[in-house]
PDB file of all heavy atoms in Angstrom:
ATOM      1  N   TYR A   1      26.378  55.744-108.198  1.00  0.00           N
ATOM      2  CA  TYR A   1      25.421  54.978-108.981  1.00  0.00           C
ATOM      3  C   TYR A   1      24.025  55.595-108.932  1.00  0.00           C
ATOM      4  O   TYR A   1      23.556  56.021-107.873  1.00  0.00           O
ATOM      5  CB  TYR A   1      25.310  53.538-108.460  1.00  0.00           C
ATOM      6  CG  TYR A   1      26.583  52.746-108.511  1.00  0.00           C
ATOM      7  CD1 TYR A   1      27.313  52.505-107.341  1.00  0.00           C
ATOM      8  CD2 TYR A   1      27.072  52.230-109.707  1.00  0.00           C
ATOM      9  CE1 TYR A   1      28.481  51.771-107.373  1.00  0.00           C
ATOM     10  CE2 TYR A   1      28.240  51.498-109.748  1.00  0.00           C
ATOM     11  CZ  TYR A   1      28.944  51.275-108.584  1.00  0.00           C
ATOM     12  OH  TYR A   1      30.110  50.553-108.603  1.00  0.00           O
ATOM     13  N   LEU A   2      23.360  55.595-110.084  1.00  0.00           N
ATOM     14  CA  LEU A   2      21.948  55.936-110.173  1.00  0.00           C
ATOM     15  C   LEU A   2      21.185  54.636-110.404  1.00  0.00           C
ATOM     16  O   LEU A   2      21.438  53.926-111.380  1.00  0.00           O
ATOM     17  CB  LEU A   2      21.681  56.906-111.339  1.00  0.00           C
ATOM     18  CG  LEU A   2      22.496  58.203-111.364  1.00  0.00           C
ATOM     19  CD1 LEU A   2      22.093  59.034-112.588  1.00  0.00           C
ATOM     20  CD2 LEU A   2      22.321  58.999-110.081  1.00  0.00           C
ATOM     21  N   GLY A   3      20.281  54.319-109.489  1.00  0.00           N
ATOM     22  CA  GLY A   3      19.497  53.097-109.641  1.00  0.00           C
ATOM     23  C   GLY A   3      18.137  53.411-110.242  1.00  0.00           C
ATOM     24  O   GLY A   3      17.449  54.329-109.784  1.00  0.00           O
ATOM     25  N   TYR A   4      17.759  52.651-111.271  1.00  0.00           N
ATOM     26  CA  TYR A   4      16.466  52.904-111.922  1.00  0.00           C
ATOM     27  C   TYR A   4      15.620  51.631-111.894  1.00  0.00           C
ATOM     28  O   TYR A   4      16.029  50.593-112.424  1.00  0.00           O
ATOM     29  CB  TYR A   4      16.666  53.357-113.369  1.00  0.00           C
ATOM     30  CG  TYR A   4      15.357  53.640-114.084  1.00  0.00           C
ATOM     31  CD1 TYR A   4      14.543  54.694-113.686  1.00  0.00           C
ATOM     32  CD2 TYR A   4      14.925  52.846-115.144  1.00  0.00           C
ATOM     33  CE1 TYR A   4      13.331  54.952-114.319  1.00  0.00           C
ATOM     34  CE2 TYR A   4      13.722  53.101-115.799  1.00  0.00           C
ATOM     35  CZ  TYR A   4      12.926  54.150-115.379  1.00  0.00           C
ATOM     36  OH  TYR A   4      11.726  54.400-116.009  1.00  0.00           O
ATOM     37  N   PRO A   5      14.425  51.696-111.272  1.00  0.00           N
ATOM     38  CA  PRO A   5      13.548  50.526-111.243  1.00  0.00           C
ATOM     39  C   PRO A   5      12.805  50.372-112.568  1.00  0.00           C
ATOM     40  O   PRO A   5      11.942  51.186-112.905  1.00  0.00           O
ATOM     41  CB  PRO A   5      12.580  50.843-110.096  1.00  0.00           C
ATOM     42  CG  PRO A   5      12.557  52.340-110.011  1.00  0.00           C
ATOM     43  CD  PRO A   5      13.885  52.833-110.504  1.00  0.00           C
ATOM     44  N   PHE A   6      13.168  49.351-113.311  1.00  0.00           N
ATOM     45  CA  PHE A   6      12.564  49.109-114.625  1.00  0.00           C
ATOM     46  C   PHE A   6      11.806  47.785-114.560  1.00  0.00           C
ATOM     47  O   PHE A   6      12.406  46.713-114.482  1.00  0.00           O
ATOM     48  CB  PHE A   6      13.643  49.047-115.706  1.00  0.00           C
ATOM     49  CG  PHE A   6      13.094  48.885-117.095  1.00  0.00           C
ATOM     50  CD1 PHE A   6      12.809  50.001-117.876  1.00  0.00           C
ATOM     51  CD2 PHE A   6      12.841  47.627-117.618  1.00  0.00           C
ATOM     52  CE1 PHE A   6      12.278  49.856-119.155  1.00  0.00           C
ATOM     53  CE2 PHE A   6      12.311  47.472-118.890  1.00  0.00           C
ATOM     54  CZ  PHE A   6      12.029  48.588-119.663  1.00  0.00           C
ATOM     55  N   SER A   7      10.495  47.866-114.572  1.00  0.00           N
ATOM     56  CA  SER A   7       9.712  46.651-114.395  1.00  0.00           C
ATOM     57  C   SER A   7       9.291  46.048-115.730  1.00  0.00           C
ATOM     58  O   SER A   7       8.927  46.764-116.670  1.00  0.00           O
ATOM     59  CB  SER A   7       8.453  46.930-113.569  1.00  0.00           C
ATOM     60  OG  SER A   7       7.741  45.723-113.367  1.00  0.00           O
ATOM     61  N   ILE A   8       9.339  44.722-115.788  1.00  0.00           N
ATOM     62  CA  ILE A   8       8.841  44.040-116.989  1.00  0.00           C
ATOM     63  C   ILE A   8       7.359  43.694-116.825  1.00  0.00           C
ATOM     64  O   ILE A   8       6.770  43.036-117.678  1.00  0.00           O
ATOM     65  CB  ILE A   8       9.665  42.782-117.316  1.00  0.00           C
ATOM     66  CG1 ILE A   8       9.652  41.795-116.145  1.00  0.00           C
ATOM     67  CG2 ILE A   8      11.094  43.165-117.648  1.00  0.00           C
ATOM     68  CD1 ILE A   8      10.383  40.494-116.455  1.00  0.00           C
ATOM     69  N   SER A   9       6.779  44.185-115.721  1.00  0.00           N
ATOM     70  CA  SER A   9       5.330  44.103-115.513  1.00  0.00           C
ATOM     71  C   SER A   9       4.732  45.483-115.780  1.00  0.00           C
ATOM     72  O   SER A   9       5.065  46.450-115.094  1.00  0.00           O
ATOM     73  CB  SER A   9       5.025  43.658-114.079  1.00  0.00           C
ATOM     74  OG  SER A   9       3.730  44.083-113.681  1.00  0.00           O
ATOM     75  N   GLU A  10       3.880  45.578-116.780  1.00  0.00           N
ATOM     76  CA  GLU A  10       3.264  46.868-117.119  1.00  0.00           C
ATOM     77  C   GLU A  10       2.493  47.435-115.931  1.00  0.00           C
ATOM     78  O   GLU A  10       2.582  48.626-115.615  1.00  0.00           O
ATOM     79  CB  GLU A  10       2.321  46.696-118.313  1.00  0.00           C
ATOM     80  CG  GLU A  10       1.805  47.996-118.899  1.00  0.00           C
ATOM     81  CD  GLU A  10       2.799  48.635-119.868  1.00  0.00           C
ATOM     82  OE1 GLU A  10       3.067  48.050-120.936  1.00  0.00           O
ATOM     83  OE2 GLU A  10       3.297  49.727-119.534  1.00  0.00           O
ATOM     84  N   ASN A  11       1.746  46.586-115.250  1.00  0.00           N
ATOM     85  CA  ASN A  11       0.966  47.041-114.100  1.00  0.00           C
ATOM     86  C   ASN A  11       1.860  47.612-113.013  1.00  0.00           C
ATOM     87  O   ASN A  11       1.569  48.674-112.450  1.00  0.00           O
ATOM     88  CB  ASN A  11       0.153  45.868-113.519  1.00  0.00           C
ATOM     89  CG  ASN A  11      -1.198  45.713-114.192  1.00  0.00           C
ATOM     90  OD1 ASN A  11      -2.052  46.575-114.101  1.00  0.00           O
ATOM     91  ND2 ASN A  11      -1.378  44.598-114.894  1.00  0.00           N
ATOM     92  N   PHE A  12       2.962  46.914-112.730  1.00  0.00           N
ATOM     93  CA  PHE A  12       3.821  47.372-111.645  1.00  0.00           C
ATOM     94  C   PHE A  12       4.586  48.631-112.040  1.00  0.00           C
ATOM     95  O   PHE A  12       4.826  49.499-111.202  1.00  0.00           O
ATOM     96  CB  PHE A  12       4.798  46.277-111.213  1.00  0.00           C
ATOM     97  CG  PHE A  12       5.592  46.673-110.005  1.00  0.00           C
ATOM     98  CD1 PHE A  12       4.964  46.848-108.780  1.00  0.00           C
ATOM     99  CD2 PHE A  12       6.951  46.893-110.080  1.00  0.00           C
ATOM    100  CE1 PHE A  12       5.686  47.228-107.653  1.00  0.00           C
ATOM    101  CE2 PHE A  12       7.685  47.271-108.961  1.00  0.00           C
ATOM    102  CZ  PHE A  12       7.037  47.432-107.742  1.00  0.00           C
ATOM    103  N   GLN A  13       4.967  48.756-113.301  1.00  0.00           N
ATOM    104  CA  GLN A  13       5.676  49.957-113.715  1.00  0.00           C
ATOM    105  C   GLN A  13       4.770  51.186-113.565  1.00  0.00           C
ATOM    106  O   GLN A  13       5.212  52.242-113.112  1.00  0.00           O
ATOM    107  CB  GLN A  13       6.167  49.824-115.171  1.00  0.00           C
ATOM    108  CG  GLN A  13       7.158  50.895-115.595  1.00  0.00           C
ATOM    109  CD  GLN A  13       8.488  50.796-114.851  1.00  0.00           C
ATOM    110  OE1 GLN A  13       8.799  49.778-114.267  1.00  0.00           O
ATOM    111  NE2 GLN A  13       9.271  51.850-114.880  1.00  0.00           N
ATOM    112  N   MET A  14       3.508  51.025-113.922  1.00  0.00           N
ATOM    113  CA  MET A  14       2.556  52.122-113.738  1.00  0.00           C
ATOM    114  C   MET A  14       2.365  52.424-112.250  1.00  0.00           C
ATOM    115  O   MET A  14       2.324  53.589-111.843  1.00  0.00           O
ATOM    116  CB  MET A  14       1.206  51.748-114.363  1.00  0.00           C
ATOM    117  CG  MET A  14       1.183  51.794-115.887  1.00  0.00           C
ATOM    118  SD  MET A  14       1.410  53.473-116.554  1.00  0.00           S
ATOM    119  CE  MET A  14      -0.056  54.286-115.921  1.00  0.00           C
ATOM    120  N   ARG A  15       2.282  51.385-111.464  1.00  0.00           N
ATOM    121  CA  ARG A  15       2.072  51.545-110.029  1.00  0.00           C
ATOM    122  C   ARG A  15       3.280  52.202-109.369  1.00  0.00           C
ATOM    123  O   ARG A  15       3.147  53.003-108.449  1.00  0.00           O
ATOM    124  CB  ARG A  15       1.823  50.151-109.446  1.00  0.00           C
ATOM    125  CG  ARG A  15       1.363  50.089-108.016  1.00  0.00           C
ATOM    126  CD  ARG A  15       1.096  48.622-107.653  1.00  0.00           C
ATOM    127  NE  ARG A  15       0.778  48.499-106.245  1.00  0.00           N
ATOM    128  CZ  ARG A  15      -0.294  47.886-105.774  1.00  0.00           C
ATOM    129  NH1 ARG A  15      -1.175  47.370-106.596  1.00  0.00           N
ATOM    130  NH2 ARG A  15      -0.498  47.783-104.479  1.00  0.00           N
ATOM    131  N   ASN A  16       4.464  51.859-109.839  1.00  0.00           N
ATOM    132  CA  ASN A  16       5.702  52.297-109.199  1.00  0.00           C
ATOM    133  C   ASN A  16       6.159  53.669-109.678  1.00  0.00           C
ATOM    134  O   ASN A  16       6.624  54.483-108.887  1.00  0.00           O
ATOM    135  CB  ASN A  16       6.805  51.260-109.460  1.00  0.00           C
ATOM    136  CG  ASN A  16       7.947  51.351-108.467  1.00  0.00           C
ATOM    137  OD1 ASN A  16       7.762  51.769-107.332  1.00  0.00           O
ATOM    138  ND2 ASN A  16       9.122  50.971-108.897  1.00  0.00           N
ATOM    139  N   THR A  17       6.043  53.932-110.986  1.00  0.00           N
ATOM    140  CA  THR A  17       6.564  55.192-111.536  1.00  0.00           C
ATOM    141  C   THR A  17       5.528  55.976-112.346  1.00  0.00           C
ATOM    142  O   THR A  17       5.846  57.031-112.886  1.00  0.00           O
ATOM    143  CB  THR A  17       7.784  54.918-112.448  1.00  0.00           C
ATOM    144  OG1 THR A  17       7.363  54.167-113.592  1.00  0.00           O
ATOM    145  CG2 THR A  17       8.869  54.146-111.719  1.00  0.00           C
ATOM    146  N   HIS A  18       4.308  55.449-112.450  1.00  0.00           N
ATOM    147  CA  HIS A  18       3.233  56.108-113.211  1.00  0.00           C
ATOM    148  C   HIS A  18       3.620  56.280-114.686  1.00  0.00           C
ATOM    149  O   HIS A  18       3.228  57.256-115.330  1.00  0.00           O
ATOM    150  CB  HIS A  18       2.860  57.463-112.591  1.00  0.00           C
ATOM    151  CG  HIS A  18       2.479  57.364-111.153  1.00  0.00           C
ATOM    152  ND1 HIS A  18       1.344  56.717-110.719  1.00  0.00           N
ATOM    153  CD2 HIS A  18       3.107  57.817-110.031  1.00  0.00           C
ATOM    154  CE1 HIS A  18       1.281  56.784-109.404  1.00  0.00           C
ATOM    155  NE2 HIS A  18       2.336  57.437-108.957  1.00  0.00           N
ATOM    156  N   LYS A  19       4.378  55.340-115.194  1.00  0.00           N
ATOM    157  CA  LYS A  19       4.778  55.359-116.602  1.00  0.00           C
ATOM    158  C   LYS A  19       4.580  53.963-117.189  1.00  0.00           C
ATOM    159  O   LYS A  19       4.680  52.953-116.489  1.00  0.00           O
ATOM    160  CB  LYS A  19       6.257  55.744-116.754  1.00  0.00           C
ATOM    161  CG  LYS A  19       6.569  57.178-116.308  1.00  0.00           C
ATOM    162  CD  LYS A  19       5.982  58.206-117.250  1.00  0.00           C
ATOM    163  CE  LYS A  19       6.404  59.626-116.916  1.00  0.00           C
ATOM    164  NZ  LYS A  19       5.861  60.102-115.639  1.00  0.00           N
ATOM    165  N   THR A  20       4.310  53.924-118.490  1.00  0.00           N
ATOM    166  CA  THR A  20       4.249  52.634-119.177  1.00  0.00           C
ATOM    167  C   THR A  20       5.669  52.117-119.388  1.00  0.00           C
ATOM    168  O   THR A  20       6.653  52.859-119.231  1.00  0.00           O
ATOM    169  CB  THR A  20       3.561  52.773-120.534  1.00  0.00           C
ATOM    170  OG1 THR A  20       4.373  53.611-121.383  1.00  0.00           O
ATOM    171  CG2 THR A  20       2.168  53.376-120.410  1.00  0.00           C
ATOM    172  N   ILE A  21       5.773  50.859-119.788  1.00  0.00           N
ATOM    173  CA  ILE A  21       7.099  50.311-120.082  1.00  0.00           C
ATOM    174  C   ILE A  21       7.730  51.069-121.246  1.00  0.00           C
ATOM    175  O   ILE A  21       8.920  51.396-121.224  1.00  0.00           O
ATOM    176  CB  ILE A  21       7.006  48.800-120.389  1.00  0.00           C
ATOM    177  CG1 ILE A  21       6.686  48.033-119.096  1.00  0.00           C
ATOM    178  CG2 ILE A  21       8.296  48.288-121.005  1.00  0.00           C
ATOM    179  CD1 ILE A  21       6.514  46.538-119.280  1.00  0.00           C
ATOM    180  N   ALA A  22       6.931  51.383-122.260  1.00  0.00           N
ATOM    181  CA  ALA A  22       7.468  52.111-123.426  1.00  0.00           C
ATOM    182  C   ALA A  22       8.006  53.479-123.006  1.00  0.00           C
ATOM    183  O   ALA A  22       9.075  53.907-123.455  1.00  0.00           O
ATOM    184  CB  ALA A  22       6.382  52.267-124.491  1.00  0.00           C
ATOM    185  N   GLN A  23       7.269  54.181-122.154  1.00  0.00           N
ATOM    186  CA  GLN A  23       7.747  55.475-121.648  1.00  0.00           C
ATOM    187  C   GLN A  23       9.005  55.297-120.798  1.00  0.00           C
ATOM    188  O   GLN A  23       9.931  56.116-120.841  1.00  0.00           O
ATOM    189  CB  GLN A  23       6.650  56.143-120.813  1.00  0.00           C
ATOM    190  CG  GLN A  23       5.469  56.633-121.615  1.00  0.00           C
ATOM    191  CD  GLN A  23       4.319  57.089-120.727  1.00  0.00           C
ATOM    192  OE1 GLN A  23       4.034  56.465-119.692  1.00  0.00           O
ATOM    193  NE2 GLN A  23       3.653  58.178-121.108  1.00  0.00           N
ATOM    194  N   SER A  24       9.054  54.209-120.050  1.00  0.00           N
ATOM    195  CA  SER A  24      10.193  53.964-119.167  1.00  0.00           C
ATOM    196  C   SER A  24      11.472  53.691-119.940  1.00  0.00           C
ATOM    197  O   SER A  24      12.568  54.017-119.466  1.00  0.00           O
ATOM    198  CB  SER A  24       9.872  52.795-118.227  1.00  0.00           C
ATOM    199  OG  SER A  24       8.749  53.103-117.422  1.00  0.00           O
ATOM    200  N   VAL A  25      11.350  53.094-121.101  1.00  0.00           N
ATOM    201  CA  VAL A  25      12.532  52.878-121.948  1.00  0.00           C
ATOM    202  C   VAL A  25      13.152  54.223-122.328  1.00  0.00           C
ATOM    203  O   VAL A  25      14.376  54.398-122.287  1.00  0.00           O
ATOM    204  CB  VAL A  25      12.162  52.074-123.213  1.00  0.00           C
ATOM    205  CG1 VAL A  25      13.324  52.053-124.204  1.00  0.00           C
ATOM    206  CG2 VAL A  25      11.771  50.647-122.851  1.00  0.00           C
ATOM    207  N   LEU A  26      12.308  55.172-122.691  1.00  0.00           N
ATOM    208  CA  LEU A  26      12.802  56.502-123.064  1.00  0.00           C
ATOM    209  C   LEU A  26      13.424  57.205-121.866  1.00  0.00           C
ATOM    210  O   LEU A  26      14.462  57.873-121.986  1.00  0.00           O
ATOM    211  CB  LEU A  26      11.646  57.346-123.626  1.00  0.00           C
ATOM    212  CG  LEU A  26      10.970  56.797-124.888  1.00  0.00           C
ATOM    213  CD1 LEU A  26       9.792  57.683-125.283  1.00  0.00           C
ATOM    214  CD2 LEU A  26      11.963  56.688-126.035  1.00  0.00           C
ATOM    215  N   ILE A  27      12.796  57.063-120.693  1.00  0.00           N
ATOM    216  CA  ILE A  27      13.337  57.678-119.477  1.00  0.00           C
ATOM    217  C   ILE A  27      14.695  57.072-119.141  1.00  0.00           C
ATOM    218  O   ILE A  27      15.651  57.786-118.813  1.00  0.00           O
ATOM    219  CB  ILE A  27      12.354  57.493-118.303  1.00  0.00           C
ATOM    220  CG1 ILE A  27      11.098  58.338-118.533  1.00  0.00           C
ATOM    221  CG2 ILE A  27      13.015  57.877-116.973  1.00  0.00           C
ATOM    222  CD1 ILE A  27       9.974  58.042-117.577  1.00  0.00           C
ATOM    223  N   LEU A  28      14.800  55.752-119.243  1.00  0.00           N
ATOM    224  CA  LEU A  28      16.073  55.091-118.952  1.00  0.00           C
ATOM    225  C   LEU A  28      17.167  55.576-119.895  1.00  0.00           C
ATOM    226  O   LEU A  28      18.306  55.795-119.466  1.00  0.00           O
ATOM    227  CB  LEU A  28      15.906  53.571-119.056  1.00  0.00           C
ATOM    228  CG  LEU A  28      17.187  52.740-118.881  1.00  0.00           C
ATOM    229  CD1 LEU A  28      17.859  53.034-117.551  1.00  0.00           C
ATOM    230  CD2 LEU A  28      16.875  51.254-119.016  1.00  0.00           C
ATOM    231  N   ASP A  29      16.819  55.774-121.151  1.00  0.00           N
ATOM    232  CA  ASP A  29      17.809  56.271-122.114  1.00  0.00           C
ATOM    233  C   ASP A  29      18.312  57.658-121.701  1.00  0.00           C
ATOM    234  O   ASP A  29      19.516  57.938-121.759  1.00  0.00           O
ATOM    235  CB  ASP A  29      17.186  56.317-123.512  1.00  0.00           C
ATOM    236  CG  ASP A  29      18.226  56.539-124.595  1.00  0.00           C
ATOM    237  OD1 ASP A  29      19.242  55.812-124.609  1.00  0.00           O
ATOM    238  OD2 ASP A  29      18.034  57.445-125.419  1.00  0.00           O
ATOM    239  N   ASP A  30      17.381  58.511-121.253  1.00  0.00           N
ATOM    240  CA  ASP A  30      17.780  59.837-120.782  1.00  0.00           C
ATOM    241  C   ASP A  30      18.657  59.743-119.530  1.00  0.00           C
ATOM    242  O   ASP A  30      19.641  60.474-119.391  1.00  0.00           O
ATOM    243  CB  ASP A  30      16.539  60.688-120.471  1.00  0.00           C
ATOM    244  CG  ASP A  30      15.843  61.193-121.729  1.00  0.00           C
ATOM    245  OD1 ASP A  30      16.494  61.214-122.786  1.00  0.00           O
ATOM    246  OD2 ASP A  30      14.659  61.558-121.643  1.00  0.00           O
ATOM    247  N   ILE A  31      18.296  58.837-118.622  1.00  0.00           N
ATOM    248  CA  ILE A  31      19.079  58.666-117.391  1.00  0.00           C
ATOM    249  C   ILE A  31      20.493  58.182-117.719  1.00  0.00           C
ATOM    250  O   ILE A  31      21.473  58.630-117.107  1.00  0.00           O
ATOM    251  CB  ILE A  31      18.361  57.701-116.430  1.00  0.00           C
ATOM    252  CG1 ILE A  31      17.086  58.352-115.881  1.00  0.00           C
ATOM    253  CG2 ILE A  31      19.281  57.287-115.274  1.00  0.00           C
ATOM    254  CD1 ILE A  31      16.198  57.420-115.087  1.00  0.00           C
ATOM    255  N   LEU A  32      20.615  57.297-118.680  1.00  0.00           N
ATOM    256  CA  LEU A  32      21.941  56.821-119.098  1.00  0.00           C
ATOM    257  C   LEU A  32      22.787  57.978-119.626  1.00  0.00           C
ATOM    258  O   LEU A  32      23.987  58.077-119.320  1.00  0.00           O
ATOM    259  CB  LEU A  32      21.796  55.742-120.168  1.00  0.00           C
ATOM    260  CG  LEU A  32      21.356  54.357-119.658  1.00  0.00           C
ATOM    261  CD1 LEU A  32      20.848  53.500-120.820  1.00  0.00           C
ATOM    262  CD2 LEU A  32      22.502  53.645-118.946  1.00  0.00           C
ATOM    263  N   ASN A  33      22.163  58.860-120.386  1.00  0.00           N
ATOM    264  CA  ASN A  33      22.899  60.028-120.901  1.00  0.00           C
ATOM    265  C   ASN A  33      23.317  60.967-119.776  1.00  0.00           C
ATOM    266  O   ASN A  33      24.443  61.483-119.770  1.00  0.00           O
ATOM    267  CB  ASN A  33      22.037  60.775-121.927  1.00  0.00           C
ATOM    268  CG  ASN A  33      21.862  60.002-123.219  1.00  0.00           C
ATOM    269  OD1 ASN A  33      22.750  59.258-123.626  1.00  0.00           O
ATOM    270  ND2 ASN A  33      20.714  60.160-123.868  1.00  0.00           N
ATOM    271  N   ILE A  34      22.412  61.201-118.826  1.00  0.00           N
ATOM    272  CA  ILE A  34      22.730  62.062-117.681  1.00  0.00           C
ATOM    273  C   ILE A  34      23.868  61.452-116.869  1.00  0.00           C
ATOM    274  O   ILE A  34      24.795  62.146-116.436  1.00  0.00           O
ATOM    275  CB  ILE A  34      21.478  62.262-116.802  1.00  0.00           C
ATOM    276  CG1 ILE A  34      20.432  63.091-117.560  1.00  0.00           C
ATOM    277  CG2 ILE A  34      21.834  62.946-115.476  1.00  0.00           C
ATOM    278  CD1 ILE A  34      19.051  63.076-116.914  1.00  0.00           C
ATOM    279  N   ALA A  35      23.811  60.135-116.666  1.00  0.00           N
ATOM    280  CA  ALA A  35      24.846  59.446-115.896  1.00  0.00           C
ATOM    281  C   ALA A  35      26.208  59.555-116.581  1.00  0.00           C
ATOM    282  O   ALA A  35      27.230  59.789-115.919  1.00  0.00           O
ATOM    283  CB  ALA A  35      24.469  57.979-115.701  1.00  0.00           C
ATOM    284  N   THR A  36      26.220  59.406-117.896  1.00  0.00           N
ATOM    285  CA  THR A  36      27.482  59.496-118.637  1.00  0.00           C
ATOM    286  C   THR A  36      28.103  60.876-118.477  1.00  0.00           C
ATOM    287  O   THR A  36      29.311  61.009-118.229  1.00  0.00           O
ATOM    288  CB  THR A  36      27.251  59.186-120.127  1.00  0.00           C
ATOM    289  OG1 THR A  36      26.754  57.847-120.255  1.00  0.00           O
ATOM    290  CG2 THR A  36      28.545  59.308-120.916  1.00  0.00           C
ATOM    291  N   LYS A  37      27.270  61.902-118.584  1.00  0.00           N
ATOM    292  CA  LYS A  37      27.775  63.282-118.481  1.00  0.00           C
ATOM    293  C   LYS A  37      28.277  63.600-117.074  1.00  0.00           C
ATOM    294  O   LYS A  37      29.163  64.447-116.910  1.00  0.00           O
ATOM    295  CB  LYS A  37      26.672  64.272-118.873  1.00  0.00           C
ATOM    296  CG  LYS A  37      26.322  64.232-120.358  1.00  0.00           C
ATOM    297  CD  LYS A  37      25.138  65.136-120.652  1.00  0.00           C
ATOM    298  CE  LYS A  37      24.717  65.033-122.110  1.00  0.00           C
ATOM    299  NZ  LYS A  37      23.481  65.814-122.386  1.00  0.00           N
ATOM    300  N   SER A  38      27.726  62.950-116.059  1.00  0.00           N
ATOM    301  CA  SER A  38      28.109  63.246-114.678  1.00  0.00           C
ATOM    302  C   SER A  38      29.038  62.182-114.091  1.00  0.00           C
ATOM    303  O   SER A  38      29.252  62.142-112.878  1.00  0.00           O
ATOM    304  CB  SER A  38      26.860  63.397-113.801  1.00  0.00           C
ATOM    305  OG  SER A  38      26.059  62.233-113.858  1.00  0.00           O
ATOM    306  N   ASN A  39      29.555  61.331-114.953  1.00  0.00           N
ATOM    307  CA  ASN A  39      30.537  60.318-114.541  1.00  0.00           C
ATOM    308  C   ASN A  39      29.968  59.353-113.503  1.00  0.00           C
ATOM    309  O   ASN A  39      30.611  59.036-112.503  1.00  0.00           O
ATOM    310  CB  ASN A  39      31.809  60.989-114.010  1.00  0.00           C
ATOM    311  CG  ASN A  39      32.993  60.036-113.944  1.00  0.00           C
ATOM    312  OD1 ASN A  39      33.098  59.124-114.760  1.00  0.00           O
ATOM    313  ND2 ASN A  39      33.876  60.227-112.984  1.00  0.00           N
ATOM    314  N   LYS A  40      28.748  58.892-113.756  1.00  0.00           N
ATOM    315  CA  LYS A  40      28.117  57.919-112.866  1.00  0.00           C
ATOM    316  C   LYS A  40      27.695  56.686-113.669  1.00  0.00           C
ATOM    317  O   LYS A  40      27.634  56.734-114.893  1.00  0.00           O
ATOM    318  CB  LYS A  40      26.900  58.532-112.177  1.00  0.00           C
ATOM    319  CG  LYS A  40      27.261  59.795-111.403  1.00  0.00           C
ATOM    320  CD  LYS A  40      26.147  60.287-110.534  1.00  0.00           C
ATOM    321  CE  LYS A  40      26.473  61.644-109.921  1.00  0.00           C
ATOM    322  NZ  LYS A  40      27.767  61.715-109.246  1.00  0.00           N
TER     323      LYS A  40
END
């Protein structure tokens, strides 16, 4: 499993991953693709 912290608090997402929620949606989409290719 790959665990991804996705916050619905804009402040906390910036604090935790230095990304906005909008940027994090794109990152999560990429992580889902990587996980699919690696059978995770």
